């Protein structure tokens, strides 16, 4: 039986942005979206309310309002270092962030249109902001070793947990949300692999990992035994470790290690991917591991091949095949009819 659209009486019901939030999130939960996706819908609505106000009639918004919203995101939105003190971290978001917002905003208005709440999807008329591809930053081997050496893994539980977490991030190429959602049922100790179930595209993904990482996970499981929790990565109190707690702890460690570059969870995924390519790993295989639907996304890591290409070209150039086994020095004559 087809779904009926909401009927409008003579006096059209006004749906505020807050009303729209409740409707869209309920539908998306029923559709079985991952927690990460639902959080992104929440963040998009938060910004809708922050810019337009939660009591604004969502059907009154126009394409021009959308353009103003994008301009605010890029050039005027205040990002706070601390929500309590409202200390400003920076103004404006990155192009990739605004494009993520646009993707979710488009999906929100698609639902609202299907529900008969708005007449058109105003975000459908706005293109994504052009993004100039930047060279992806990665950690070096010495930097990774420095971070790991900084951790007091033999003395403090949280430091050992971070030691294991970094190994899993690097070994599995996983996103932080996927890794922190791991349960012990997702870890196959016998076959040395882990299965991500809370993924970006909702597809289950199984990734092989090394014996060393499996051994560390086994040790962590023993450390966690008293908590009787299904989750792999826990707080000191036995609760599932969240992303904000992870970020806070990582920041402390990076400062202690004296590393100046901005280190975040996704940097470990970038680093693992770049090193995979650098060691002649297949881009197609990497695409599968990273769960990229588009190969061009994976090919962003190709810049790390520059030095490898130069080294291998020097070693395997066909010019070497043309060389005589033993070259003798010759004196070339000048003159004749040639210029």
Protein backbone atom coordinates (compact mmCIF):
# COMPACT_ATOMS: atom_id res chain seq x y z
CA UNK A 1 0.00 0.00 0.00
CA UNK A 2 1.56 3.32 -1.05
CA UNK A 3 2.37 5.87 1.63
CA UNK A 4 -0.05 8.76 1.86
CA UNK A 5 1.34 12.26 1.90
CA UNK A 6 0.32 14.52 4.75
CA UNK A 7 -3.02 16.15 3.93
CA UNK A 8 -3.24 19.89 4.15
CA UNK A 9 -6.46 21.48 5.30
CA UNK A 10 -7.58 24.87 4.03
CA UNK A 11 -5.28 26.40 6.57
CA UNK A 12 -1.88 24.96 5.80
CA UNK A 13 -0.06 23.53 8.82
CA UNK A 14 3.22 25.24 9.57
CA UNK A 15 6.17 22.93 10.10
CA UNK A 16 9.04 24.57 11.93
CA UNK A 17 12.66 23.49 11.50
CA UNK A 18 12.34 21.75 14.86
CA UNK A 19 9.23 19.86 13.64
CA UNK A 20 11.10 18.85 10.49
CA UNK A 21 14.01 17.55 12.60
CA UNK A 22 11.71 15.18 14.52
CA UNK A 23 10.04 13.88 11.35
CA UNK A 24 13.26 13.35 9.36
CA UNK A 25 15.17 11.72 12.21
CA UNK A 26 12.30 9.35 12.95
CA UNK A 27 12.22 8.28 9.29
CA UNK A 28 16.00 7.90 9.11
CA UNK A 29 16.05 5.78 12.28
CA UNK A 30 13.38 3.51 10.81
CA UNK A 31 15.52 3.22 7.66
CA UNK A 32 18.28 1.81 9.87
CA UNK A 33 20.95 4.48 9.33
CA UNK A 34 24.19 4.21 11.28
CA UNK A 35 24.71 6.30 14.42
CA UNK A 36 27.33 8.33 12.57
CA UNK A 37 24.86 9.22 9.79
CA UNK A 38 22.15 10.12 12.31
CA UNK A 39 24.63 12.35 14.13
CA UNK A 40 25.37 14.14 10.83
CA UNK A 41 21.64 14.75 10.30
CA UNK A 42 21.49 16.19 13.83
CA UNK A 43 24.47 18.47 13.12
CA UNK A 44 22.85 19.72 9.91
CA UNK A 45 19.63 20.56 11.74
CA UNK A 46 21.65 22.23 14.50
CA UNK A 47 23.11 24.57 11.89
CA UNK A 48 19.71 25.14 10.28
CA UNK A 49 18.41 26.29 13.66
CA UNK A 50 21.52 28.28 14.44
CA UNK A 51 21.23 30.22 11.17
CA UNK A 52 17.47 30.41 10.57
CA UNK A 53 16.03 29.76 14.05
CA UNK A 54 14.18 26.65 15.21
CA UNK A 55 10.69 28.22 14.87
CA UNK A 56 11.18 29.22 11.22
CA UNK A 57 8.60 27.78 8.82
CA UNK A 58 10.78 25.36 6.82
CA UNK A 59 8.53 25.64 3.75
CA UNK A 60 9.19 29.40 3.59
CA UNK A 61 12.89 28.96 2.82
CA UNK A 62 14.13 29.78 -0.69
CA UNK A 63 17.15 29.02 -2.86
CA UNK A 64 18.50 32.46 -1.94
CA UNK A 65 18.25 31.50 1.74
CA UNK A 66 20.32 28.41 0.94
CA UNK A 67 23.03 30.51 -0.73
CA UNK A 68 23.16 32.77 2.34
CA UNK A 69 23.42 29.67 4.53
CA UNK A 70 26.41 28.43 2.48
CA UNK A 71 28.08 31.85 2.68
CA UNK A 72 27.60 31.86 6.47
CA UNK A 73 29.09 28.37 6.74
CA UNK A 74 32.16 29.26 4.69
CA UNK A 75 32.88 32.78 5.92
CA UNK A 76 31.05 33.63 9.14
CA UNK A 77 30.24 30.55 11.22
CA UNK A 78 32.06 30.67 14.56
CA UNK A 79 33.64 27.42 15.68
CA UNK A 80 34.29 27.21 19.38
CA UNK A 81 37.24 25.61 21.10
CA UNK A 82 35.13 25.31 24.25
CA UNK A 83 31.32 25.42 24.16
CA UNK A 84 31.10 26.63 27.79
CA UNK A 85 33.48 29.57 27.49
CA UNK A 86 32.56 30.21 23.81
CA UNK A 87 36.23 30.75 23.03
CA UNK A 88 36.44 31.07 19.23
CA UNK A 89 38.64 28.48 17.53
CA UNK A 90 38.19 29.72 13.97
CA UNK A 91 35.69 31.33 11.62
CA UNK A 92 34.18 29.35 8.75
CA UNK A 93 34.28 25.66 7.85
CA UNK A 94 36.27 23.90 5.15
CA UNK A 95 34.89 23.30 1.65
CA UNK A 96 34.74 19.54 2.27
CA UNK A 97 32.70 20.15 5.45
CA UNK A 98 30.18 22.42 3.73
CA UNK A 99 29.81 19.87 0.93
CA UNK A 100 29.02 17.21 3.54
CA UNK A 101 26.38 19.54 5.01
CA UNK A 102 24.91 20.04 1.53
CA UNK A 103 24.65 16.29 0.99
CA UNK A 104 22.67 15.84 4.22
CA UNK A 105 20.61 19.00 3.63
CA UNK A 106 19.62 17.71 0.19
CA UNK A 107 18.56 14.40 1.74
CA UNK A 108 16.57 16.21 4.45
CA UNK A 109 14.59 18.24 1.92
CA UNK A 110 14.04 15.15 -0.21
CA UNK A 111 12.27 13.53 2.76
CA UNK A 112 10.28 16.71 3.47
CA UNK A 113 9.16 16.90 -0.16
CA UNK A 114 8.06 13.24 -0.13
CA UNK A 115 6.11 13.96 3.07
CA UNK A 116 4.34 16.93 1.48
CA UNK A 117 5.87 19.41 3.95
CA UNK A 118 7.74 21.42 1.31
CA UNK A 119 6.88 21.84 -2.34
CA UNK A 120 10.43 21.57 -3.68
CA UNK A 121 13.91 20.55 -2.64
CA UNK A 122 15.59 23.96 -2.56
CA UNK A 123 19.01 22.39 -1.98
CA UNK A 124 18.65 20.53 -5.27
CA UNK A 125 19.22 23.80 -7.12
CA UNK A 126 22.57 24.50 -5.47
CA UNK A 127 25.81 22.88 -6.64
CA UNK A 128 28.49 21.72 -4.28
CA UNK A 129 31.30 24.16 -3.63
CA UNK A 130 34.27 23.47 -5.91
CA UNK A 131 37.01 21.80 -3.92
CA UNK A 132 40.63 22.07 -4.99
CA UNK A 133 42.30 18.78 -4.20
CA UNK A 134 45.01 19.20 -1.61
CA UNK A 135 47.97 16.96 -1.02
CA UNK A 136 46.98 14.63 1.81
CA UNK A 137 49.06 15.03 4.91
CA UNK A 138 50.34 11.87 6.60
CA UNK A 139 52.44 10.84 9.57
CA UNK A 140 55.98 9.64 9.04
CA UNK A 141 57.30 6.38 10.49
CA UNK A 142 59.49 8.29 13.03
CA UNK A 143 56.43 10.32 14.11
CA UNK A 144 54.31 7.18 14.62
CA UNK A 145 57.11 5.57 16.63
CA UNK A 146 57.45 8.74 18.70
CA UNK A 147 53.72 8.72 19.50
CA UNK A 148 53.78 5.04 20.50
CA UNK A 149 56.93 5.49 22.62
CA UNK A 150 55.26 8.39 24.45
CA UNK A 151 52.49 6.09 25.73
CA UNK A 152 53.00 4.57 29.18
CA UNK A 153 51.41 1.35 28.00
CA UNK A 154 52.89 -0.85 30.73
CA UNK A 155 51.70 1.41 33.55
CA UNK A 156 48.36 3.05 32.68
CA UNK A 157 45.27 1.33 31.27
CA UNK A 158 44.11 4.30 29.14
CA UNK A 159 47.60 4.58 27.61
CA UNK A 160 47.67 0.87 26.74
CA UNK A 161 44.14 1.20 25.30
CA UNK A 162 45.37 4.07 23.07
CA UNK A 163 48.41 1.99 22.06
CA UNK A 164 46.09 -0.81 20.89
CA UNK A 165 43.65 1.63 19.28
CA UNK A 166 46.37 3.25 17.16
CA UNK A 167 47.53 -0.20 16.02
CA UNK A 168 43.95 -1.11 15.02
CA UNK A 169 43.45 2.21 13.19
CA UNK A 170 46.65 1.72 11.19
CA UNK A 171 46.23 -2.01 10.60
CA UNK A 172 42.56 -1.94 9.62
CA UNK A 173 42.51 1.43 7.79
CA UNK A 174 39.29 1.97 9.75
CA UNK A 175 37.36 5.15 10.43
CA UNK A 176 37.31 6.15 14.10
CA UNK A 177 33.54 5.61 14.38
CA UNK A 178 33.91 2.10 12.95
CA UNK A 179 36.78 1.20 15.29
CA UNK A 180 35.14 2.55 18.46
CA UNK A 181 31.96 0.60 17.61
CA UNK A 182 33.82 -2.74 17.53
CA UNK A 183 32.57 -5.45 19.87
CA UNK A 184 34.42 -8.64 20.78
CA UNK A 185 32.06 -10.53 18.45
CA UNK A 186 33.58 -8.50 15.60
CA UNK A 187 37.10 -9.76 16.35
CA UNK A 188 38.05 -13.13 14.87
CA UNK A 189 41.11 -14.22 16.85
CA UNK A 190 41.42 -17.49 14.94
CA UNK A 191 41.45 -16.05 11.42
CA UNK A 192 43.12 -12.73 12.31
CA UNK A 193 40.46 -10.34 11.06
CA UNK A 194 37.93 -7.80 12.30
CA UNK A 195 34.49 -6.96 10.96
CA UNK A 196 33.15 -3.43 10.84
CA UNK A 197 29.36 -3.33 11.17
CA UNK A 198 28.81 0.38 11.92
CA UNK A 199 30.06 1.61 8.54
CA UNK A 200 29.49 4.78 6.53
CA UNK A 201 27.50 3.02 3.78
CA UNK A 202 25.87 0.44 6.13
CA UNK A 203 27.74 -2.43 4.42
CA UNK A 204 29.51 -4.95 6.63
CA UNK A 205 33.26 -5.02 5.93
CA UNK A 206 35.79 -7.64 7.07
CA UNK A 207 39.46 -6.66 7.15
CA UNK A 208 42.49 -8.90 7.87
CA UNK A 209 44.87 -7.68 10.57
CA UNK A 210 48.36 -8.74 11.65
CA UNK A 211 49.35 -11.19 14.37
CA UNK A 212 50.81 -8.35 16.41
CA UNK A 213 47.49 -6.45 16.48
CA UNK A 214 45.57 -9.64 17.31
CA UNK A 215 47.94 -10.25 20.21
CA UNK A 216 47.41 -6.71 21.50
CA UNK A 217 43.62 -7.12 21.23
CA UNK A 218 43.83 -10.38 23.19
CA UNK A 219 45.77 -8.58 25.92
CA UNK A 220 43.23 -5.73 25.95
CA UNK A 221 40.39 -8.26 26.27
CA UNK A 222 42.05 -9.66 29.38
CA UNK A 223 42.44 -6.13 30.77
CA UNK A 224 38.74 -5.46 30.14
CA UNK A 225 37.49 -8.75 31.64
CA UNK A 226 36.26 -7.19 34.89
CA UNK A 227 33.92 -4.81 33.06
CA UNK A 228 31.96 -7.52 31.23
CA UNK A 229 31.30 -5.14 28.30
CA UNK A 230 30.78 -6.22 24.70
CA UNK A 231 32.76 -3.22 23.42
CA UNK A 232 36.48 -3.47 22.68
CA UNK A 233 37.51 0.07 23.60
CA UNK A 234 36.34 1.24 27.01
CA UNK A 235 36.78 4.19 29.35
CA UNK A 236 38.41 3.74 32.75
CA UNK A 237 34.89 3.16 34.10
CA UNK A 238 33.98 0.41 31.65
CA UNK A 239 31.75 2.45 29.33
CA UNK A 240 32.13 2.51 25.54
CA UNK A 241 34.86 4.98 24.57
CA UNK A 242 33.41 7.94 22.63
CA UNK A 243 34.99 10.02 19.89
CA UNK A 244 35.26 13.20 21.98
CA UNK A 245 37.09 11.34 24.79
CA UNK A 246 39.39 9.80 22.20
CA UNK A 247 40.15 13.19 20.62
CA UNK A 248 40.90 14.73 24.03
CA UNK A 249 43.28 11.93 24.99
CA UNK A 250 44.98 11.94 21.58
CA UNK A 251 45.57 15.70 21.81
CA UNK A 252 47.30 15.23 25.19
CA UNK A 253 49.55 12.50 23.80
CA UNK A 254 50.51 14.48 20.68
CA UNK A 255 51.46 17.49 22.82
CA UNK A 256 53.52 15.21 25.08
CA UNK A 257 55.24 13.70 22.05
CA UNK A 258 56.14 17.18 20.79
CA UNK A 259 54.62 16.68 17.33
CA UNK A 260 53.66 19.99 15.76
CA UNK A 261 51.37 18.87 12.92
CA UNK A 262 47.64 18.48 13.49
CA UNK A 263 47.05 14.83 14.36
CA UNK A 264 43.49 13.50 14.25
CA UNK A 265 41.94 10.04 13.98
CA UNK A 266 41.51 10.16 10.19
CA UNK A 267 45.22 10.94 9.79
CA UNK A 268 46.00 7.33 10.76
CA UNK A 269 43.71 6.14 7.93
CA UNK A 270 45.45 8.51 5.49
CA UNK A 271 48.86 7.35 6.73
CA UNK A 272 48.05 3.65 6.42
CA UNK A 273 46.66 4.17 2.90
CA UNK A 274 49.69 6.17 1.72
CA UNK A 275 52.12 3.58 3.10
CA UNK A 276 50.13 0.77 1.46
CA UNK A 277 50.53 2.48 -1.93
CA UNK A 278 54.18 3.34 -1.23
CA UNK A 279 54.93 -0.34 -0.73
CA UNK A 280 53.41 -1.14 -4.14
CA UNK A 281 50.00 -2.18 -2.83
CA UNK A 282 47.24 -2.30 -5.45
CA UNK A 283 45.00 0.78 -5.67
CA UNK A 284 42.05 -1.52 -6.43
CA UNK A 285 42.72 -3.59 -3.30
CA UNK A 286 43.08 -0.39 -1.26
CA UNK A 287 39.74 0.81 -2.62
CA UNK A 288 38.12 -2.36 -1.23
CA UNK A 289 39.86 -2.00 2.14
CA UNK A 290 38.88 1.66 2.48
CA UNK A 291 35.33 0.98 1.29
CA UNK A 292 35.47 3.72 -1.34
CA UNK A 293 32.70 3.54 -3.95
CA UNK A 294 34.70 5.75 -6.33
CA UNK A 295 38.25 4.81 -7.34
CA UNK A 296 39.18 8.49 -7.81
CA UNK A 297 38.77 8.97 -4.03
CA UNK A 298 41.38 6.27 -3.42
CA UNK A 299 43.70 7.69 -6.06
CA UNK A 300 44.21 10.80 -3.90
CA UNK A 301 46.96 8.81 -2.20
CA UNK A 302 48.91 8.49 -5.45
CA UNK A 303 51.05 11.56 -4.63
CA UNK A 304 53.15 9.42 -2.28
CA UNK A 305 54.33 7.47 -5.31
CA UNK A 306 56.36 10.41 -6.63
CA UNK A 307 59.61 9.39 -4.92
CA UNK A 308 58.92 5.68 -5.47
CA UNK A 309 58.34 6.28 -9.20
CA UNK A 310 61.61 8.17 -9.49
CA UNK A 311 63.57 5.43 -7.70
CA UNK A 312 62.01 2.63 -9.74
CA UNK A 313 62.36 4.54 -13.01
CA UNK A 314 66.07 4.93 -12.33
CA UNK A 315 66.31 1.20 -11.61
CA UNK A 316 64.11 -0.23 -14.38
CA UNK A 317 64.23 2.27 -17.27
CA UNK A 318 64.43 0.53 -20.68
CA UNK A 319 67.42 2.74 -21.44
CA UNK A 320 69.49 0.40 -19.25
CA UNK A 321 68.73 -2.43 -21.68
CA UNK A 322 70.31 -0.46 -24.51
CA UNK A 323 73.60 -0.01 -22.71
CA UNK A 324 76.55 -2.15 -23.74
CA UNK A 325 77.99 -4.38 -21.05
CA UNK A 326 81.26 -2.52 -21.14
CA UNK A 327 81.46 0.97 -22.44
CA UNK A 328 84.77 2.31 -23.60
CA UNK A 329 85.63 5.94 -23.59
CA UNK A 330 85.75 7.40 -27.10
CA UNK A 331 86.93 10.68 -28.55
CA UNK A 332 84.33 12.11 -30.88
CA UNK A 333 85.52 13.77 -34.09
CA UNK A 334 84.39 17.20 -35.14
CA UNK A 335 84.13 18.65 -38.61
CA UNK A 336 82.90 17.28 -41.90
CA UNK A 337 79.78 18.57 -43.62
CA UNK A 338 77.55 18.20 -40.56
CA UNK A 339 76.66 21.21 -38.43
